[in-house]
Amino acid sequence: MPNVAVVDMNGTKVDEINLADSIFGIEPNAAVMHELVVNYLANQRQGTQSALTRSEVRGGGRKPWRQKGTGHARQGSIRAPQWTKGGIVFAPKPRDYSYTVNKKVRRLAMKSAFSSKAQDNDIIVIDNITLDEFKTKTIVKMLSAVGSEKKALIVLPTVDKKVIKSASNIPGVKTAQVNELNVYDMLNADKLIIVKDAVAKIEEVYA
């Protein structure tokens, strides 16, 4: 069972916590994590790109010159794809790129991501994050104190508007509740900062 120190907002160790082997101690499955990252990115695509085919481009109703005898290659329309201002071959059209992944695969990918971070010592458990006011400087100071000055994902047990708003101004820092976690954000972060109460929720959800 991985043991992780619990620190306060000043980076001082205040306790220790045992993380569940079934979630934080499995052998990470890289292929499954990759599948979920591809799925996440596909689901983020808007799919609004659009271009005109040769049947939709304006003009080109008349044959530009007669079929034979001109010395030119035969042409039927000045809006064919090889012409300037012609239509696009296999033009992209609005479509939905999203698709679903099997629930068991999704759970395995999440557990693999947690275990990968635990093996690399990139999980920081903090006893609590409390702010009296909306203050970005307080979050910056906390991140520096716990040793996370690059990209970080702060995992909260519940919605805390002061923490979420204060962290939103910091480049590379994201916040999420346990039910909002995804493999892409977890792997993209250098450090996973989890509030102690959120650890219990994670173990409850993915047990």
C-alpha atoms as a PDB file:
ATOM      1  CA  MET A   1       0.000   0.000   0.000  1.00  0.00           C
ATOM      2  CA  PRO A   2       1.672   3.305  -1.060  1.00  0.00           C
ATOM      3  CA  ASN A   3       2.302   5.643   1.871  1.00  0.00           C
ATOM      4  CA  VAL A   4       2.057   9.346   1.118  1.00  0.00           C
ATOM      5  CA  ALA A   5       2.731  12.249   3.448  1.00  0.00           C
ATOM      6  CA  VAL A   6      -0.162  14.625   4.100  1.00  0.00           C
ATOM      7  CA  VAL A   7       0.956  18.251   4.112  1.00  0.00           C
ATOM      8  CA  ASP A   8      -0.729  21.538   4.921  1.00  0.00           C
ATOM      9  CA  MET A   9      -0.853  24.643   2.723  1.00  0.00           C
ATOM     10  CA  ASN A  10       2.600  25.632   3.991  1.00  0.00           C
ATOM     11  CA  GLY A  11       4.146  22.344   2.879  1.00  0.00           C
ATOM     12  CA  THR A  12       4.574  21.063   6.445  1.00  0.00           C
ATOM     13  CA  LYS A  13       3.939  17.343   7.003  1.00  0.00           C
ATOM     14  CA  VAL A  14       0.976  16.872   9.330  1.00  0.00           C
ATOM     15  CA  ASP A  15       0.033  13.230   8.771  1.00  0.00           C
ATOM     16  CA  GLU A  16       0.459  10.140   6.614  1.00  0.00           C
ATOM     17  CA  ILE A  17      -2.098   8.334   4.476  1.00  0.00           C
ATOM     18  CA  ASN A  18      -2.195   4.843   3.008  1.00  0.00           C
ATOM     19  CA  LEU A  19      -3.406   4.795  -0.580  1.00  0.00           C
ATOM     20  CA  ALA A  20      -5.390   1.789  -1.783  1.00  0.00           C
ATOM     21  CA  ASP A  21      -3.325  -0.705  -3.795  1.00  0.00           C
ATOM     22  CA  SER A  22      -6.300  -1.484  -6.031  1.00  0.00           C
ATOM     23  CA  ILE A  23      -6.286   2.106  -7.316  1.00  0.00           C
ATOM     24  CA  PHE A  24      -2.842   3.591  -6.663  1.00  0.00           C
ATOM     25  CA  GLY A  25      -0.741   0.418  -6.788  1.00  0.00           C
ATOM     26  CA  ILE A  26      -1.612  -1.469  -9.978  1.00  0.00           C
ATOM     27  CA  GLU A  27       0.637  -1.944 -13.007  1.00  0.00           C
ATOM     28  CA  PRO A  28      -0.230   1.003 -15.301  1.00  0.00           C
ATOM     29  CA  ASN A  29      -1.686  -0.013 -18.665  1.00  0.00           C
ATOM     30  CA  ALA A  30      -0.205   2.446 -21.176  1.00  0.00           C
ATOM     31  CA  ALA A  31      -2.351   1.260 -24.098  1.00  0.00           C
ATOM     32  CA  VAL A  32      -5.602   1.823 -22.214  1.00  0.00           C
ATOM     33  CA  MET A  33      -4.485   5.259 -21.016  1.00  0.00           C
ATOM     34  CA  HIS A  34      -3.606   6.185 -24.604  1.00  0.00           C
ATOM     35  CA  GLU A  35      -7.053   5.033 -25.747  1.00  0.00           C
ATOM     36  CA  LEU A  36      -8.741   7.296 -23.190  1.00  0.00           C
ATOM     37  CA  VAL A  37      -6.546  10.284 -24.115  1.00  0.00           C
ATOM     38  CA  VAL A  38      -7.495   9.855 -27.796  1.00  0.00           C
ATOM     39  CA  ASN A  39     -11.148   9.538 -26.780  1.00  0.00           C
ATOM     40  CA  TYR A  40     -10.988  12.705 -24.665  1.00  0.00           C
ATOM     41  CA  LEU A  41      -9.387  14.739 -27.457  1.00  0.00           C
ATOM     42  CA  ALA A  42     -11.880  13.410 -30.015  1.00  0.00           C
ATOM     43  CA  ASN A  43     -14.789  14.370 -27.754  1.00  0.00           C
ATOM     44  CA  GLN A  44     -13.397  17.909 -27.456  1.00  0.00           C
ATOM     45  CA  ARG A  45     -13.498  18.468 -31.226  1.00  0.00           C
ATOM     46  CA  GLN A  46     -16.215  20.852 -32.361  1.00  0.00           C
ATOM     47  CA  GLY A  47     -16.561  19.277 -35.786  1.00  0.00           C
ATOM     48  CA  THR A  48     -17.707  22.548 -37.368  1.00  0.00           C
ATOM     49  CA  GLN A  49     -15.199  22.625 -40.231  1.00  0.00           C
ATOM     50  CA  SER A  50     -16.782  22.907 -43.655  1.00  0.00           C
ATOM     51  CA  ALA A  51     -15.602  23.390 -47.235  1.00  0.00           C
ATOM     52  CA  LEU A  52     -17.351  23.454 -50.609  1.00  0.00           C
ATOM     53  CA  THR A  53     -17.299  20.602 -53.108  1.00  0.00           C
ATOM     54  CA  ARG A  54     -17.294  21.269 -56.874  1.00  0.00           C
ATOM     55  CA  SER A  55     -21.094  21.023 -56.946  1.00  0.00           C
ATOM     56  CA  GLU A  56     -21.381  23.776 -54.310  1.00  0.00           C
ATOM     57  CA  VAL A  57     -18.848  26.315 -55.626  1.00  0.00           C
ATOM     58  CA  ARG A  58     -20.373  29.221 -57.533  1.00  0.00           C
ATOM     59  CA  GLY A  59     -19.835  29.281 -61.323  1.00  0.00           C
ATOM     60  CA  GLY A  60     -18.532  26.729 -63.762  1.00  0.00           C
ATOM     61  CA  GLY A  61     -21.792  25.969 -65.492  1.00  0.00           C
ATOM     62  CA  ARG A  62     -20.326  26.414 -68.984  1.00  0.00           C
ATOM     63  CA  LYS A  63     -17.689  24.211 -70.546  1.00  0.00           C
ATOM     64  CA  PRO A  64     -14.596  26.498 -70.740  1.00  0.00           C
ATOM     65  CA  TRP A  65     -13.614  25.446 -74.286  1.00  0.00           C
ATOM     66  CA  ARG A  66     -14.570  22.855 -76.834  1.00  0.00           C
ATOM     67  CA  GLN A  67     -13.565  19.262 -76.326  1.00  0.00           C
ATOM     68  CA  LYS A  68     -11.052  18.923 -79.175  1.00  0.00           C
ATOM     69  CA  GLY A  69      -8.750  20.983 -81.296  1.00  0.00           C
ATOM     70  CA  THR A  70      -7.593  23.668 -78.855  1.00  0.00           C
ATOM     71  CA  GLY A  71      -4.329  22.101 -77.665  1.00  0.00           C
ATOM     72  CA  HIS A  72      -5.595  22.312 -74.083  1.00  0.00           C
ATOM     73  CA  ALA A  73      -6.494  19.347 -71.937  1.00  0.00           C
ATOM     74  CA  ARG A  74     -10.201  18.640 -71.999  1.00  0.00           C
ATOM     75  CA  GLN A  75     -12.137  20.419 -69.272  1.00  0.00           C
ATOM     76  CA  GLY A  76     -15.786  20.343 -68.297  1.00  0.00           C
ATOM     77  CA  SER A  77     -15.870  23.099 -65.696  1.00  0.00           C
ATOM     78  CA  ILE A  78     -13.660  25.873 -64.305  1.00  0.00           C
ATOM     79  CA  ARG A  79     -14.777  24.831 -60.814  1.00  0.00           C
ATOM     80  CA  ALA A  80     -13.189  21.374 -60.964  1.00  0.00           C
ATOM     81  CA  PRO A  81     -10.728  20.686 -58.071  1.00  0.00           C
ATOM     82  CA  GLN A  82      -7.589  21.326 -60.156  1.00  0.00           C
ATOM     83  CA  TRP A  83      -8.687  24.873 -61.003  1.00  0.00           C
ATOM     84  CA  THR A  84      -8.032  27.964 -58.876  1.00  0.00           C
ATOM     85  CA  LYS A  85     -11.212  28.661 -56.884  1.00  0.00           C
ATOM     86  CA  GLY A  86     -12.392  25.157 -57.722  1.00  0.00           C
ATOM     87  CA  GLY A  87     -14.193  22.853 -55.295  1.00  0.00           C
ATOM     88  CA  ILE A  88     -12.431  20.731 -52.690  1.00  0.00           C
ATOM     89  CA  VAL A  89     -12.075  16.975 -53.200  1.00  0.00           C
ATOM     90  CA  PHE A  90     -13.712  15.107 -50.286  1.00  0.00           C
ATOM     91  CA  ALA A  91     -14.480  18.435 -48.611  1.00  0.00           C
ATOM     92  CA  PRO A  92     -14.824  18.239 -44.797  1.00  0.00           C
ATOM     93  CA  LYS A  93     -18.357  18.719 -43.552  1.00  0.00           C
ATOM     94  CA  PRO A  94     -19.756  19.277 -40.034  1.00  0.00           C
ATOM     95  CA  ARG A  95     -19.787  16.021 -38.096  1.00  0.00           C
ATOM     96  CA  ASP A  96     -19.704  14.633 -34.568  1.00  0.00           C
ATOM     97  CA  TYR A  97     -16.335  13.126 -33.629  1.00  0.00           C
ATOM     98  CA  SER A  98     -17.361  11.964 -30.149  1.00  0.00           C
ATOM     99  CA  TYR A  99     -17.619   8.304 -29.203  1.00  0.00           C
ATOM    100  CA  THR A 100     -17.959   6.313 -25.994  1.00  0.00           C
ATOM    101  CA  VAL A 101     -15.520   3.916 -24.354  1.00  0.00           C
ATOM    102  CA  ASN A 102     -16.447   0.811 -22.384  1.00  0.00           C
ATOM    103  CA  LYS A 103     -16.921   1.574 -18.665  1.00  0.00           C
ATOM    104  CA  LYS A 104     -14.462  -1.135 -17.552  1.00  0.00           C
ATOM    105  CA  VAL A 105     -11.809   0.242 -19.907  1.00  0.00           C
ATOM    106  CA  ARG A 106     -12.421   3.754 -18.566  1.00  0.00           C
ATOM    107  CA  ARG A 107     -12.047   2.596 -14.954  1.00  0.00           C
ATOM    108  CA  LEU A 108      -8.840   0.687 -15.756  1.00  0.00           C
ATOM    109  CA  ALA A 109      -7.413   3.776 -17.458  1.00  0.00           C
ATOM    110  CA  MET A 110      -8.214   5.970 -14.443  1.00  0.00           C
ATOM    111  CA  LYS A 111      -6.609   3.468 -12.047  1.00  0.00           C
ATOM    112  CA  SER A 112      -3.576   3.242 -14.333  1.00  0.00           C
ATOM    113  CA  ALA A 113      -3.248   7.036 -14.345  1.00  0.00           C
ATOM    114  CA  PHE A 114      -3.459   7.192 -10.522  1.00  0.00           C
ATOM    115  CA  SER A 115      -0.912   4.364 -10.183  1.00  0.00           C
ATOM    116  CA  SER A 116       1.430   5.972 -12.719  1.00  0.00           C
ATOM    117  CA  LYS A 117       1.428   9.223 -10.749  1.00  0.00           C
ATOM    118  CA  ALA A 118       1.950   7.331  -7.472  1.00  0.00           C
ATOM    119  CA  GLN A 119       4.920   5.401  -8.877  1.00  0.00           C
ATOM    120  CA  ASP A 120       6.537   8.635 -10.075  1.00  0.00           C
ATOM    121  CA  ASN A 121       5.929  10.322  -6.684  1.00  0.00           C
ATOM    122  CA  ASP A 122       3.829  12.963  -8.416  1.00  0.00           C
ATOM    123  CA  ILE A 123       0.899  12.762  -5.988  1.00  0.00           C
ATOM    124  CA  ILE A 124       0.719  15.369  -3.239  1.00  0.00           C
ATOM    125  CA  VAL A 125      -1.980  14.933  -0.585  1.00  0.00           C
ATOM    126  CA  ILE A 126      -2.960  18.127   1.201  1.00  0.00           C
ATOM    127  CA  ASP A 127      -5.048  18.122   4.365  1.00  0.00           C
ATOM    128  CA  ASN A 128      -7.285  21.004   3.308  1.00  0.00           C
ATOM    129  CA  ILE A 129      -7.380  24.074   1.095  1.00  0.00           C
ATOM    130  CA  THR A 130      -9.174  26.966   2.733  1.00  0.00           C
ATOM    131  CA  LEU A 131      -9.360  30.520   1.448  1.00  0.00           C
ATOM    132  CA  ASP A 132     -10.977  33.453   3.216  1.00  0.00           C
ATOM    133  CA  GLU A 133     -11.239  35.390  -0.032  1.00  0.00           C
ATOM    134  CA  PHE A 134     -10.620  35.090  -3.756  1.00  0.00           C
ATOM    135  CA  LYS A 135      -6.823  35.305  -3.811  1.00  0.00           C
ATOM    136  CA  THR A 136      -4.606  33.912  -6.556  1.00  0.00           C
ATOM    137  CA  LYS A 137      -1.440  34.748  -4.568  1.00  0.00           C
ATOM    138  CA  THR A 138      -2.511  32.325  -1.828  1.00  0.00           C
ATOM    139  CA  ILE A 139      -2.761  29.430  -4.302  1.00  0.00           C
ATOM    140  CA  VAL A 140       0.584  30.394  -5.899  1.00  0.00           C
ATOM    141  CA  LYS A 141       2.205  30.420  -2.457  1.00  0.00           C
ATOM    142  CA  MET A 142       0.668  27.033  -1.611  1.00  0.00           C
ATOM    143  CA  LEU A 143       1.866  25.456  -4.871  1.00  0.00           C
ATOM    144  CA  SER A 144       5.380  26.736  -4.234  1.00  0.00           C
ATOM    145  CA  ALA A 145       5.319  25.435  -0.661  1.00  0.00           C
ATOM    146  CA  VAL A 146       4.282  21.898  -1.654  1.00  0.00           C
ATOM    147  CA  GLY A 147       6.800  21.752  -4.509  1.00  0.00           C
ATOM    148  CA  SER A 148       4.499  22.115  -7.484  1.00  0.00           C
ATOM    149  CA  GLU A 149       5.567  25.151  -9.486  1.00  0.00           C
ATOM    150  CA  LYS A 150       4.785  23.766 -12.953  1.00  0.00           C
ATOM    151  CA  LYS A 151       1.602  22.196 -14.323  1.00  0.00           C
ATOM    152  CA  ALA A 152      -0.684  20.949 -11.564  1.00  0.00           C
ATOM    153  CA  LEU A 153      -4.146  19.448 -11.221  1.00  0.00           C
ATOM    154  CA  ILE A 154      -5.871  20.260  -7.930  1.00  0.00           C
ATOM    155  CA  VAL A 155      -8.497  17.638  -7.028  1.00  0.00           C
ATOM    156  CA  LEU A 156     -11.239  18.914  -4.714  1.00  0.00           C
ATOM    157  CA  PRO A 157     -13.840  16.812  -2.849  1.00  0.00           C
ATOM    158  CA  THR A 158     -16.589  19.367  -3.545  1.00  0.00           C
ATOM    159  CA  VAL A 159     -17.061  22.599  -5.471  1.00  0.00           C
ATOM    160  CA  ASP A 160     -15.135  25.423  -3.808  1.00  0.00           C
ATOM    161  CA  LYS A 161     -15.648  28.587  -5.831  1.00  0.00           C
ATOM    162  CA  LYS A 162     -12.897  30.505  -4.037  1.00  0.00           C
ATOM    163  CA  VAL A 163     -10.272  27.862  -4.805  1.00  0.00           C
ATOM    164  CA  ILE A 164     -11.493  27.298  -8.369  1.00  0.00           C
ATOM    165  CA  LYS A 165     -11.596  30.998  -9.208  1.00  0.00           C
ATOM    166  CA  SER A 166      -8.274  31.765  -7.500  1.00  0.00           C
ATOM    167  CA  ALA A 167      -6.488  28.954  -9.353  1.00  0.00           C
ATOM    168  CA  SER A 168      -8.026  29.735 -12.742  1.00  0.00           C
ATOM    169  CA  ASN A 169      -5.641  32.685 -13.315  1.00  0.00           C
ATOM    170  CA  ILE A 170      -2.496  30.564 -12.922  1.00  0.00           C
ATOM    171  CA  PRO A 171      -1.057  29.205 -16.203  1.00  0.00           C
ATOM    172  CA  GLY A 172      -0.852  25.401 -16.214  1.00  0.00           C
ATOM    173  CA  VAL A 173      -3.018  24.937 -13.110  1.00  0.00           C
ATOM    174  CA  LYS A 174      -6.423  23.274 -13.315  1.00  0.00           C
ATOM    175  CA  THR A 175      -8.973  22.260 -10.713  1.00  0.00           C
ATOM    176  CA  ALA A 176     -11.450  19.381 -10.796  1.00  0.00           C
ATOM    177  CA  GLN A 177     -13.837  17.513  -8.536  1.00  0.00           C
ATOM    178  CA  VAL A 178     -13.583  13.736  -8.208  1.00  0.00           C
ATOM    179  CA  ASN A 179     -16.490  13.174 -10.616  1.00  0.00           C
ATOM    180  CA  GLU A 180     -14.848  15.431 -13.251  1.00  0.00           C
ATOM    181  CA  LEU A 181     -11.457  13.721 -13.411  1.00  0.00           C
ATOM    182  CA  ASN A 182     -10.171  12.477 -16.752  1.00  0.00           C
ATOM    183  CA  VAL A 183      -7.022  10.654 -17.827  1.00  0.00           C
ATOM    184  CA  TYR A 184      -5.854  13.452 -20.152  1.00  0.00           C
ATOM    185  CA  ASP A 185      -5.748  16.145 -17.442  1.00  0.00           C
ATOM    186  CA  MET A 186      -4.121  13.766 -14.961  1.00  0.00           C
ATOM    187  CA  LEU A 187      -1.316  12.729 -17.303  1.00  0.00           C
ATOM    188  CA  ASN A 188      -0.870  16.274 -18.595  1.00  0.00           C
ATOM    189  CA  ALA A 189      -0.204  17.599 -15.079  1.00  0.00           C
ATOM    190  CA  ASP A 190       3.265  17.375 -13.553  1.00  0.00           C
ATOM    191  CA  LYS A 191       1.778  17.066 -10.071  1.00  0.00           C
ATOM    192  CA  LEU A 192      -1.555  15.726  -8.845  1.00  0.00           C
ATOM    193  CA  ILE A 193      -2.562  17.669  -5.733  1.00  0.00           C
ATOM    194  CA  ILE A 194      -5.399  15.842  -3.975  1.00  0.00           C
ATOM    195  CA  VAL A 195      -7.256  17.155  -0.945  1.00  0.00           C
ATOM    196  CA  LYS A 196      -7.361  14.453   1.767  1.00  0.00           C
ATOM    197  CA  ASP A 197     -11.173  14.212   1.707  1.00  0.00           C
ATOM    198  CA  ALA A 198     -11.035  13.722  -2.061  1.00  0.00           C
ATOM    199  CA  VAL A 199      -8.783  10.652  -1.629  1.00  0.00           C
ATOM    200  CA  ALA A 200     -11.579   8.883   0.281  1.00  0.00           C
ATOM    201  CA  LYS A 201     -14.037   9.758  -2.487  1.00  0.00           C
ATOM    202  CA  ILE A 202     -11.678   8.475  -5.186  1.00  0.00           C
ATOM    203  CA  GLU A 203     -11.251   5.176  -3.350  1.00  0.00           C
ATOM    204  CA  GLU A 204     -15.015   4.939  -2.899  1.00  0.00           C
ATOM    205  CA  VAL A 205     -15.743   5.553  -6.591  1.00  0.00           C
ATOM    206  CA  TYR A 206     -13.004   3.339  -8.073  1.00  0.00           C
ATOM    207  CA  ALA A 207     -12.856   0.585  -5.426  1.00  0.00           C
END
